[in-house]
Amino acid sequence: MHQVKIFLVPLNYDYKKPKIKKSMNCTIINRKVMKNLLSFFFLVLTVSQASAQLPTVSVRFNNPRYECETNRYIVDVELKSDVPGQQLFGMNVRLFYDDNVLEYAAMSEFIAGYSLMGPPEIQNGEPGSGVPFGLAGPAEWVNGSIQLITPSTFVLTGDFQKLFRICFFVEDPNAINIDSFCPSLIWDLEADPLMGGYLPGDDGVVITLVDPVPLKDSSPANTSVDQHNWEYLAGGPAFGQPIEEKCIPTFCGTVIPISNWALFLAIGLMIVTTLFIWRRRMTA
C-alpha cells in the first residue's frame, strides 16, 4: 500500500504570494526606471539636436590701435555666422580686463540701426580677482547690451564684419611708448559655452537673431568667442592665461624707440665722418 502524507496548511497562507508580489514589484520598478531613463535620454537628445540646429555666431575683438591724443586703446567688435544671411537682434557685451592696465571708456561707431541699451554696468574686482584669469591686477567686469532699434541693412555673413568699437583708457604708465602692448580682453564665456559666464548666475555673452516669424522679435543662437590676447586652460585652478598675440606699439609724437637708436647713431656718425673728411680736403 502507498503511504499518503498530509501537510496541514493554514487556509490563509499563500506560499506563492510573496514570490509573485516580489516579482511584480521588480517589474514595476524596472518599468519606471526604464521610462525615466528613456525620458532623460530623449530630453538630452532633443536639447542637443536643437542646439546643433541653431546658427553659431562668432564674435571677436580686432584691429587694435592706440590713440595718442586721448590715451585710449581701441578695438573693433566683429561678428560672423556659420549660417549667412542672419540678422543680429541683440547681444550681451560682457568682458573682463586687468583694472591696473585699462579702464572702460565708451562704445561707439555702431552700424546704423543698432545702439547701446543704456550705460553698461562696471564692477571693480576685489584684489586677487584677476588671478583665475592670469591677470596681475584685479579683474574688472563690463556688462553692457546692444540691440537693433531701427531697421538696418547689416546682415551676418561667413566673414567677420565690424559692428561697433570699444575704447579703453590706458591706466598703466609703463604701457606708453613701448614696442609691444598686448592687453588681454576676455569675453565672459567659459571654454564650454553651455556653461555660460564666469560669475554666479551669469549667462555670459548671449547673442540673439532677428526671428523671421511675424510678431516675434528674436530667436536664439549658439555663441562662439575669439579671445583677445588670452587663451583658455584645460583643468587646474586657472580659467586661462594672457598671451601675446595681437600686440601694437604705443609711441607718440617724436619719441624714438630704443631699438632704433643704434640706427640713428650710425647715421649720425656717418654724417660727422663725411663732414670731417670734406673739411680736411678743403683746407689741404
C-alpha atoms as a PDB file:
ATOM      1  CA  MET A   1       0.000   0.000   0.000  1.00  0.00           C
ATOM      2  CA  HIS A   2       1.106   3.524  -0.744  1.00  0.00           C
ATOM      3  CA  GLN A   3       1.522   5.880   2.126  1.00  0.00           C
ATOM      4  CA  VAL A   4      -0.048   9.295   1.743  1.00  0.00           C
ATOM      5  CA  LYS A   5       1.470  12.189   3.657  1.00  0.00           C
ATOM      6  CA  ILE A   6      -0.843  15.037   4.516  1.00  0.00           C
ATOM      7  CA  PHE A   7       0.527  18.509   5.349  1.00  0.00           C
ATOM      8  CA  LEU A   8      -1.756  20.820   7.214  1.00  0.00           C
ATOM      9  CA  VAL A   9      -1.548  24.334   5.771  1.00  0.00           C
ATOM     10  CA  PRO A  10      -3.415  27.306   7.211  1.00  0.00           C
ATOM     11  CA  LEU A  11      -6.278  28.403   4.996  1.00  0.00           C
ATOM     12  CA  ASN A  12      -4.984  31.992   4.811  1.00  0.00           C
ATOM     13  CA  TYR A  13      -1.455  31.025   3.740  1.00  0.00           C
ATOM     14  CA  ASP A  14      -0.405  31.579   0.139  1.00  0.00           C
ATOM     15  CA  TYR A  15       3.140  30.381  -0.343  1.00  0.00           C
ATOM     16  CA  LYS A  16       3.253  31.767  -3.889  1.00  0.00           C
ATOM     17  CA  LYS A  17       2.111  35.225  -2.990  1.00  0.00           C
ATOM     18  CA  PRO A  18       5.434  36.641  -1.682  1.00  0.00           C
ATOM     19  CA  LYS A  19       7.257  35.409  -4.753  1.00  0.00           C
ATOM     20  CA  ILE A  20       4.696  36.804  -7.138  1.00  0.00           C
ATOM     21  CA  LYS A  21       4.466  40.077  -5.248  1.00  0.00           C
ATOM     22  CA  LYS A  22       8.228  40.456  -5.260  1.00  0.00           C
ATOM     23  CA  SER A  23       8.348  39.742  -8.962  1.00  0.00           C
ATOM     24  CA  MET A  24       5.620  42.277  -9.664  1.00  0.00           C
ATOM     25  CA  ASN A  25       7.374  44.954  -7.609  1.00  0.00           C
ATOM     26  CA  CYS A  26      10.592  44.401  -9.524  1.00  0.00           C
ATOM     27  CA  THR A  27       8.716  44.599 -12.788  1.00  0.00           C
ATOM     28  CA  ILE A  28       7.041  47.848 -11.783  1.00  0.00           C
ATOM     29  CA  ILE A  29      10.320  49.374 -10.563  1.00  0.00           C
ATOM     30  CA  ASN A  30      12.190  48.346 -13.690  1.00  0.00           C
ATOM     31  CA  ARG A  31       9.487  49.803 -15.888  1.00  0.00           C
ATOM     32  CA  LYS A  32       9.587  53.118 -14.008  1.00  0.00           C
ATOM     33  CA  VAL A  33      13.397  53.285 -14.143  1.00  0.00           C
ATOM     34  CA  MET A  34      13.442  52.491 -17.847  1.00  0.00           C
ATOM     35  CA  LYS A  35      10.717  55.043 -18.506  1.00  0.00           C
ATOM     36  CA  ASN A  36      12.614  57.767 -16.597  1.00  0.00           C
ATOM     37  CA  LEU A  37      15.902  56.903 -18.304  1.00  0.00           C
ATOM     38  CA  LEU A  38      14.313  56.955 -21.727  1.00  0.00           C
ATOM     39  CA  SER A  39      12.676  60.298 -20.965  1.00  0.00           C
ATOM     40  CA  PHE A  40      16.013  61.701 -19.815  1.00  0.00           C
ATOM     41  CA  PHE A  41      17.847  60.477 -22.903  1.00  0.00           C
ATOM     42  CA  PHE A  42      15.137  61.825 -25.189  1.00  0.00           C
ATOM     43  CA  LEU A  43      15.403  65.202 -23.408  1.00  0.00           C
ATOM     44  CA  VAL A  44      19.193  65.310 -23.775  1.00  0.00           C
ATOM     45  CA  LEU A  45      18.917  64.260 -27.410  1.00  0.00           C
ATOM     46  CA  THR A  46      16.267  66.897 -28.089  1.00  0.00           C
ATOM     47  CA  VAL A  47      18.312  69.676 -26.448  1.00  0.00           C
ATOM     48  CA  SER A  48      21.465  68.577 -28.279  1.00  0.00           C
ATOM     49  CA  GLN A  49      19.688  68.457 -31.615  1.00  0.00           C
ATOM     50  CA  ALA A  50      18.039  71.838 -31.034  1.00  0.00           C
ATOM     51  CA  SER A  51      21.390  73.381 -30.068  1.00  0.00           C
ATOM     52  CA  ALA A  52      23.115  71.831 -33.068  1.00  0.00           C
ATOM     53  CA  GLN A  53      20.469  73.204 -35.432  1.00  0.00           C
ATOM     54  CA  LEU A  54      20.864  76.790 -34.217  1.00  0.00           C
ATOM     55  CA  PRO A  55      23.174  79.141 -36.148  1.00  0.00           C
ATOM     56  CA  THR A  56      26.512  79.777 -34.438  1.00  0.00           C
ATOM     57  CA  VAL A  57      27.508  83.434 -34.254  1.00  0.00           C
ATOM     58  CA  SER A  58      31.177  84.155 -33.508  1.00  0.00           C
ATOM     59  CA  VAL A  59      32.438  87.422 -32.037  1.00  0.00           C
ATOM     60  CA  ARG A  60      35.955  88.786 -31.669  1.00  0.00           C
ATOM     61  CA  PHE A  61      37.981  91.922 -30.905  1.00  0.00           C
ATOM     62  CA  ASN A  62      40.102  93.035 -33.844  1.00  0.00           C
ATOM     63  CA  ASN A  63      42.169  95.872 -35.289  1.00  0.00           C
ATOM     64  CA  PRO A  64      43.715  97.122 -32.008  1.00  0.00           C
ATOM     65  CA  ARG A  65      45.220 100.615 -32.045  1.00  0.00           C
ATOM     66  CA  TYR A  66      46.456 103.265 -29.649  1.00  0.00           C
ATOM     67  CA  GLU A  67      45.243 106.857 -29.885  1.00  0.00           C
ATOM     68  CA  CYS A  68      47.897 109.224 -28.520  1.00  0.00           C
ATOM     69  CA  GLU A  69      45.663 112.311 -28.297  1.00  0.00           C
ATOM     70  CA  THR A  70      43.181 110.644 -25.951  1.00  0.00           C
ATOM     71  CA  ASN A  71      45.422 107.948 -24.409  1.00  0.00           C
ATOM     72  CA  ARG A  72      42.936 105.295 -25.483  1.00  0.00           C
ATOM     73  CA  TYR A  73      43.272 101.668 -26.557  1.00  0.00           C
ATOM     74  CA  ILE A  74      40.642 100.923 -29.206  1.00  0.00           C
ATOM     75  CA  VAL A  75      39.388  97.637 -30.695  1.00  0.00           C
ATOM     76  CA  ASP A  76      36.629  96.791 -33.160  1.00  0.00           C
ATOM     77  CA  VAL A  77      33.940  94.241 -32.292  1.00  0.00           C
ATOM     78  CA  GLU A  78      33.323  91.952 -35.254  1.00  0.00           C
ATOM     79  CA  LEU A  79      30.802  89.163 -35.844  1.00  0.00           C
ATOM     80  CA  LYS A  80      30.172  86.371 -38.329  1.00  0.00           C
ATOM     81  CA  SER A  81      27.719  83.470 -38.646  1.00  0.00           C
ATOM     82  CA  ASP A  82      28.080  79.910 -39.918  1.00  0.00           C
ATOM     83  CA  VAL A  83      24.640  80.407 -41.493  1.00  0.00           C
ATOM     84  CA  PRO A  84      24.983  83.506 -43.711  1.00  0.00           C
ATOM     85  CA  GLY A  85      22.012  85.827 -44.145  1.00  0.00           C
ATOM     86  CA  GLN A  86      21.101  86.053 -40.442  1.00  0.00           C
ATOM     87  CA  GLN A  87      20.404  89.453 -38.929  1.00  0.00           C
ATOM     88  CA  LEU A  88      21.609  90.276 -35.429  1.00  0.00           C
ATOM     89  CA  PHE A  89      18.910  91.302 -32.959  1.00  0.00           C
ATOM     90  CA  GLY A  90      20.859  91.800 -29.724  1.00  0.00           C
ATOM     91  CA  MET A  91      23.988  90.941 -27.797  1.00  0.00           C
ATOM     92  CA  ASN A  92      25.239  91.000 -24.206  1.00  0.00           C
ATOM     93  CA  VAL A  93      28.647  92.704 -24.264  1.00  0.00           C
ATOM     94  CA  ARG A  94      30.349  91.140 -21.248  1.00  0.00           C
ATOM     95  CA  LEU A  95      34.101  91.059 -20.756  1.00  0.00           C
ATOM     96  CA  PHE A  96      36.932  91.194 -18.220  1.00  0.00           C
ATOM     97  CA  TYR A  97      40.262  93.058 -18.278  1.00  0.00           C
ATOM     98  CA  ASP A  98      43.114  93.968 -15.918  1.00  0.00           C
ATOM     99  CA  ASP A  99      41.999  97.028 -13.940  1.00  0.00           C
ATOM    100  CA  ASN A 100      45.636  98.065 -13.436  1.00  0.00           C
ATOM    101  CA  VAL A 101      46.147  98.314 -17.199  1.00  0.00           C
ATOM    102  CA  LEU A 102      42.867  99.520 -18.731  1.00  0.00           C
ATOM    103  CA  GLU A 103      39.695 101.399 -17.808  1.00  0.00           C
ATOM    104  CA  TYR A 104      36.490 101.246 -19.844  1.00  0.00           C
ATOM    105  CA  ALA A 105      35.796 104.482 -21.724  1.00  0.00           C
ATOM    106  CA  ALA A 106      32.994 104.027 -24.268  1.00  0.00           C
ATOM    107  CA  MET A 107      31.328 102.028 -27.041  1.00  0.00           C
ATOM    108  CA  SER A 108      30.800 103.895 -30.296  1.00  0.00           C
ATOM    109  CA  GLU A 109      30.648 103.774 -34.100  1.00  0.00           C
ATOM    110  CA  PHE A 110      27.657 101.410 -34.182  1.00  0.00           C
ATOM    111  CA  ILE A 111      26.379 100.149 -37.516  1.00  0.00           C
ATOM    112  CA  ALA A 112      23.192 102.015 -38.477  1.00  0.00           C
ATOM    113  CA  GLY A 113      20.179 100.560 -36.693  1.00  0.00           C
ATOM    114  CA  TYR A 114      21.983  99.377 -33.535  1.00  0.00           C
ATOM    115  CA  SER A 115      22.575 101.136 -30.234  1.00  0.00           C
ATOM    116  CA  LEU A 116      23.816 100.600 -26.699  1.00  0.00           C
ATOM    117  CA  MET A 117      20.882  99.984 -24.345  1.00  0.00           C
ATOM    118  CA  GLY A 118      21.933 102.391 -21.611  1.00  0.00           C
ATOM    119  CA  PRO A 119      25.279 102.781 -19.829  1.00  0.00           C
ATOM    120  CA  PRO A 120      26.992  99.449 -19.165  1.00  0.00           C
ATOM    121  CA  GLU A 121      27.460  98.131 -15.639  1.00  0.00           C
ATOM    122  CA  ILE A 122      31.062  98.245 -14.412  1.00  0.00           C
ATOM    123  CA  GLN A 123      32.114  96.040 -11.497  1.00  0.00           C
ATOM    124  CA  ASN A 124      35.525  96.515  -9.908  1.00  0.00           C
ATOM    125  CA  GLY A 125      37.013  93.206  -8.833  1.00  0.00           C
ATOM    126  CA  GLU A 126      38.499  92.642  -5.408  1.00  0.00           C
ATOM    127  CA  PRO A 127      42.278  92.246  -5.029  1.00  0.00           C
ATOM    128  CA  GLY A 128      43.202  88.828  -6.365  1.00  0.00           C
ATOM    129  CA  SER A 129      40.125  88.559  -8.590  1.00  0.00           C
ATOM    130  CA  GLY A 130      42.347  88.563 -11.658  1.00  0.00           C
ATOM    131  CA  VAL A 131      44.336  85.512 -10.557  1.00  0.00           C
ATOM    132  CA  PRO A 132      41.971  82.906 -12.106  1.00  0.00           C
ATOM    133  CA  PHE A 133      42.393  84.735 -15.418  1.00  0.00           C
ATOM    134  CA  GLY A 134      46.173  85.026 -15.061  1.00  0.00           C
ATOM    135  CA  LEU A 135      45.947  88.816 -14.648  1.00  0.00           C
ATOM    136  CA  ALA A 136      48.372  90.703 -12.406  1.00  0.00           C
ATOM    137  CA  GLY A 137      45.738  93.201 -11.237  1.00  0.00           C
ATOM    138  CA  PRO A 138      42.061  92.936 -10.247  1.00  0.00           C
ATOM    139  CA  ALA A 139      39.646  91.745 -12.928  1.00  0.00           C
ATOM    140  CA  GLU A 140      37.173  94.472 -13.877  1.00  0.00           C
ATOM    141  CA  TRP A 141      33.870  93.344 -15.451  1.00  0.00           C
ATOM    142  CA  VAL A 142      31.907  95.223 -18.116  1.00  0.00           C
ATOM    143  CA  ASN A 143      28.267  94.266 -18.637  1.00  0.00           C
ATOM    144  CA  GLY A 144      26.541  96.071 -21.498  1.00  0.00           C
ATOM    145  CA  SER A 145      23.840  95.319 -24.041  1.00  0.00           C
ATOM    146  CA  ILE A 146      23.275  96.351 -27.645  1.00  0.00           C
ATOM    147  CA  GLN A 147      20.128  95.867 -29.689  1.00  0.00           C
ATOM    148  CA  LEU A 148      18.513  96.514 -33.047  1.00  0.00           C
ATOM    149  CA  ILE A 149      16.328  99.617 -32.560  1.00  0.00           C
ATOM    150  CA  THR A 150      15.609 100.718 -36.143  1.00  0.00           C
ATOM    151  CA  PRO A 151      15.650  98.867 -39.484  1.00  0.00           C
ATOM    152  CA  SER A 152      19.171  98.005 -40.582  1.00  0.00           C
ATOM    153  CA  THR A 153      20.842  96.580 -43.656  1.00  0.00           C
ATOM    154  CA  PHE A 154      23.521  94.854 -41.553  1.00  0.00           C
ATOM    155  CA  VAL A 155      23.438  91.099 -42.244  1.00  0.00           C
ATOM    156  CA  LEU A 156      25.823  88.498 -40.868  1.00  0.00           C
ATOM    157  CA  THR A 157      27.982  86.618 -43.347  1.00  0.00           C
ATOM    158  CA  GLY A 158      30.652  83.944 -43.172  1.00  0.00           C
ATOM    159  CA  ASP A 159      33.328  86.641 -42.774  1.00  0.00           C
ATOM    160  CA  PHE A 160      33.904  88.878 -39.754  1.00  0.00           C
ATOM    161  CA  GLN A 161      32.316  92.338 -40.035  1.00  0.00           C
ATOM    162  CA  LYS A 162      32.629  95.316 -37.706  1.00  0.00           C
ATOM    163  CA  LEU A 163      29.505  96.101 -35.664  1.00  0.00           C
ATOM    164  CA  PHE A 164      30.947  98.746 -33.305  1.00  0.00           C
ATOM    165  CA  ARG A 165      34.104  99.624 -31.366  1.00  0.00           C
ATOM    166  CA  ILE A 166      35.122  99.705 -27.684  1.00  0.00           C
ATOM    167  CA  CYS A 167      37.563 102.241 -26.219  1.00  0.00           C
ATOM    168  CA  PHE A 168      39.609 101.952 -23.022  1.00  0.00           C
ATOM    169  CA  PHE A 169      41.808 104.456 -21.234  1.00  0.00           C
ATOM    170  CA  VAL A 170      45.341 103.136 -20.732  1.00  0.00           C
ATOM    171  CA  GLU A 171      45.933 103.290 -16.972  1.00  0.00           C
ATOM    172  CA  ASP A 172      49.387 101.725 -16.833  1.00  0.00           C
ATOM    173  CA  PRO A 173      52.097 104.383 -17.447  1.00  0.00           C
ATOM    174  CA  ASN A 174      54.534 101.595 -18.319  1.00  0.00           C
ATOM    175  CA  ALA A 175      52.361 100.723 -21.307  1.00  0.00           C
ATOM    176  CA  ILE A 176      53.127 104.013 -23.091  1.00  0.00           C
ATOM    177  CA  ASN A 177      56.000 104.421 -25.566  1.00  0.00           C
ATOM    178  CA  ILE A 178      56.769 100.721 -25.853  1.00  0.00           C
ATOM    179  CA  ASP A 179      57.181  98.415 -28.844  1.00  0.00           C
ATOM    180  CA  SER A 180      54.633  95.771 -27.868  1.00  0.00           C
ATOM    181  CA  PHE A 181      51.425  96.434 -25.928  1.00  0.00           C
ATOM    182  CA  CYS A 182      49.244  93.304 -25.625  1.00  0.00           C
ATOM    183  CA  PRO A 183      46.408  93.812 -23.075  1.00  0.00           C
ATOM    184  CA  SER A 184      44.037  90.897 -22.543  1.00  0.00           C
ATOM    185  CA  LEU A 185      40.325  91.402 -23.248  1.00  0.00           C
ATOM    186  CA  ILE A 186      38.454  88.343 -22.011  1.00  0.00           C
ATOM    187  CA  TRP A 187      34.960  87.598 -23.275  1.00  0.00           C
ATOM    188  CA  ASP A 188      32.745  86.433 -20.414  1.00  0.00           C
ATOM    189  CA  LEU A 189      32.138  82.922 -21.734  1.00  0.00           C
ATOM    190  CA  GLU A 190      33.659  79.694 -20.481  1.00  0.00           C
ATOM    191  CA  ALA A 191      35.517  77.253 -22.716  1.00  0.00           C
ATOM    192  CA  ASP A 192      32.294  75.227 -22.860  1.00  0.00           C
ATOM    193  CA  PRO A 193      29.725  77.834 -23.997  1.00  0.00           C
ATOM    194  CA  LEU A 194      26.901  75.829 -22.412  1.00  0.00           C
ATOM    195  CA  MET A 195      28.396  76.721 -19.008  1.00  0.00           C
ATOM    196  CA  GLY A 196      27.730  80.434 -19.581  1.00  0.00           C
ATOM    197  CA  GLY A 197      29.819  83.135 -17.916  1.00  0.00           C
ATOM    198  CA  TYR A 198      32.286  83.076 -15.049  1.00  0.00           C
ATOM    199  CA  LEU A 199      30.200  84.841 -12.388  1.00  0.00           C
ATOM    200  CA  PRO A 200      27.472  83.035 -10.369  1.00  0.00           C
ATOM    201  CA  GLY A 201      24.183  83.095 -12.279  1.00  0.00           C
ATOM    202  CA  ASP A 202      25.871  84.769 -15.254  1.00  0.00           C
ATOM    203  CA  ASP A 203      24.834  83.641 -18.756  1.00  0.00           C
ATOM    204  CA  GLY A 204      27.889  85.354 -20.204  1.00  0.00           C
ATOM    205  CA  VAL A 205      27.930  86.545 -23.807  1.00  0.00           C
ATOM    206  CA  VAL A 206      24.479  85.891 -25.297  1.00  0.00           C
ATOM    207  CA  ILE A 207      23.613  86.618 -28.938  1.00  0.00           C
ATOM    208  CA  THR A 208      20.134  86.607 -30.466  1.00  0.00           C
ATOM    209  CA  LEU A 209      18.976  86.891 -34.061  1.00  0.00           C
ATOM    210  CA  VAL A 210      16.001  88.558 -35.707  1.00  0.00           C
ATOM    211  CA  ASP A 211      13.207  85.969 -35.883  1.00  0.00           C
ATOM    212  CA  PRO A 212      11.664  85.672 -39.356  1.00  0.00           C
ATOM    213  CA  VAL A 213       8.316  84.702 -37.798  1.00  0.00           C
ATOM    214  CA  PRO A 214       5.956  87.714 -37.597  1.00  0.00           C
ATOM    215  CA  LEU A 215       5.173  89.102 -34.135  1.00  0.00           C
ATOM    216  CA  LYS A 216       8.373  87.574 -32.708  1.00  0.00           C
ATOM    217  CA  ASP A 217      11.353  89.824 -32.041  1.00  0.00           C
ATOM    218  CA  SER A 218      14.228  87.407 -31.641  1.00  0.00           C
ATOM    219  CA  SER A 219      15.387  83.816 -31.787  1.00  0.00           C
ATOM    220  CA  PRO A 220      18.363  82.189 -30.001  1.00  0.00           C
ATOM    221  CA  ALA A 221      21.759  81.399 -31.464  1.00  0.00           C
ATOM    222  CA  ASN A 222      24.815  79.489 -30.342  1.00  0.00           C
ATOM    223  CA  THR A 223      27.649  81.813 -29.321  1.00  0.00           C
ATOM    224  CA  SER A 224      31.352  81.380 -30.007  1.00  0.00           C
ATOM    225  CA  VAL A 225      34.036  83.840 -28.864  1.00  0.00           C
ATOM    226  CA  ASP A 226      37.561  84.514 -30.097  1.00  0.00           C
ATOM    227  CA  GLN A 227      39.523  85.650 -27.040  1.00  0.00           C
ATOM    228  CA  HIS A 228      41.872  88.636 -27.355  1.00  0.00           C
ATOM    229  CA  ASN A 229      45.464  88.166 -26.129  1.00  0.00           C
ATOM    230  CA  TRP A 230      44.182  85.413 -23.837  1.00  0.00           C
ATOM    231  CA  GLU A 231      43.695  81.656 -24.039  1.00  0.00           C
ATOM    232  CA  TYR A 232      41.702  79.009 -22.143  1.00  0.00           C
ATOM    233  CA  LEU A 233      43.453  76.461 -19.955  1.00  0.00           C
ATOM    234  CA  ALA A 234      42.089  72.951 -19.576  1.00  0.00           C
ATOM    235  CA  GLY A 235      41.976  71.748 -15.974  1.00  0.00           C
ATOM    236  CA  GLY A 236      43.692  73.261 -12.969  1.00  0.00           C
ATOM    237  CA  PRO A 237      42.558  76.234 -10.866  1.00  0.00           C
ATOM    238  CA  ALA A 238      43.030  78.886 -13.590  1.00  0.00           C
ATOM    239  CA  PHE A 239      40.465  79.680 -16.287  1.00  0.00           C
ATOM    240  CA  GLY A 240      43.173  80.778 -18.690  1.00  0.00           C
ATOM    241  CA  GLN A 241      46.237  82.939 -19.208  1.00  0.00           C
ATOM    242  CA  PRO A 242      47.363  86.018 -21.181  1.00  0.00           C
ATOM    243  CA  ILE A 243      49.200  85.503 -24.465  1.00  0.00           C
ATOM    244  CA  GLU A 244      50.977  87.957 -26.776  1.00  0.00           C
ATOM    245  CA  GLU A 245      49.010  87.570 -29.977  1.00  0.00           C
ATOM    246  CA  LYS A 246      47.763  90.973 -31.181  1.00  0.00           C
ATOM    247  CA  CYS A 247      50.366  93.484 -29.996  1.00  0.00           C
ATOM    248  CA  ILE A 248      50.809  97.113 -31.051  1.00  0.00           C
ATOM    249  CA  PRO A 249      53.347  99.903 -30.403  1.00  0.00           C
ATOM    250  CA  THR A 250      52.261 102.873 -28.293  1.00  0.00           C
ATOM    251  CA  PHE A 251      54.737 105.523 -29.433  1.00  0.00           C
ATOM    252  CA  CYS A 252      53.543 109.105 -29.651  1.00  0.00           C
ATOM    253  CA  GLY A 253      54.994 112.337 -31.093  1.00  0.00           C
ATOM    254  CA  THR A 254      58.732 112.324 -31.700  1.00  0.00           C
ATOM    255  CA  VAL A 255      59.535 109.561 -29.249  1.00  0.00           C
ATOM    256  CA  ILE A 256      62.030 107.206 -30.874  1.00  0.00           C
ATOM    257  CA  PRO A 257      62.031 103.526 -29.923  1.00  0.00           C
ATOM    258  CA  ILE A 258      65.168 102.457 -28.093  1.00  0.00           C
ATOM    259  CA  SER A 259      65.730  99.699 -30.642  1.00  0.00           C
ATOM    260  CA  ASN A 260      66.058 102.380 -33.381  1.00  0.00           C
ATOM    261  CA  TRP A 261      68.701 104.490 -31.587  1.00  0.00           C
ATOM    262  CA  ALA A 262      71.534 102.319 -32.912  1.00  0.00           C
ATOM    263  CA  LEU A 263      70.461 103.051 -36.467  1.00  0.00           C
ATOM    264  CA  PHE A 264      70.225 106.804 -35.851  1.00  0.00           C
ATOM    265  CA  LEU A 265      73.609 106.799 -34.091  1.00  0.00           C
ATOM    266  CA  ALA A 266      75.233 105.036 -37.040  1.00  0.00           C
ATOM    267  CA  ILE A 267      73.741 107.544 -39.486  1.00  0.00           C
ATOM    268  CA  GLY A 268      74.924 110.431 -37.295  1.00  0.00           C
ATOM    269  CA  LEU A 269      78.472 109.083 -37.119  1.00  0.00           C
ATOM    270  CA  MET A 270      78.489 108.639 -40.894  1.00  0.00           C
ATOM    271  CA  ILE A 271      77.445 112.265 -41.405  1.00  0.00           C
ATOM    272  CA  VAL A 272      80.076 113.570 -38.946  1.00  0.00           C
ATOM    273  CA  THR A 273      82.792 111.483 -40.588  1.00  0.00           C
ATOM    274  CA  THR A 274      81.820 112.714 -44.048  1.00  0.00           C
ATOM    275  CA  LEU A 275      81.893 116.354 -42.906  1.00  0.00           C
ATOM    276  CA  PHE A 276      85.309 115.849 -41.254  1.00  0.00           C
ATOM    277  CA  ILE A 277      86.814 114.361 -44.423  1.00  0.00           C
ATOM    278  CA  TRP A 278      85.297 117.111 -46.565  1.00  0.00           C
ATOM    279  CA  ARG A 279      86.796 119.879 -44.337  1.00  0.00           C
ATOM    280  CA  ARG A 280      90.236 118.185 -44.417  1.00  0.00           C
ATOM    281  CA  ARG A 281      90.162 118.210 -48.190  1.00  0.00           C
ATOM    282  CA  MET A 282      89.034 121.841 -48.380  1.00  0.00           C
ATOM    283  CA  THR A 283      91.883 123.034 -46.145  1.00  0.00           C
ATOM    284  CA  ALA A 284      94.568 120.912 -47.826  1.00  0.00           C
END
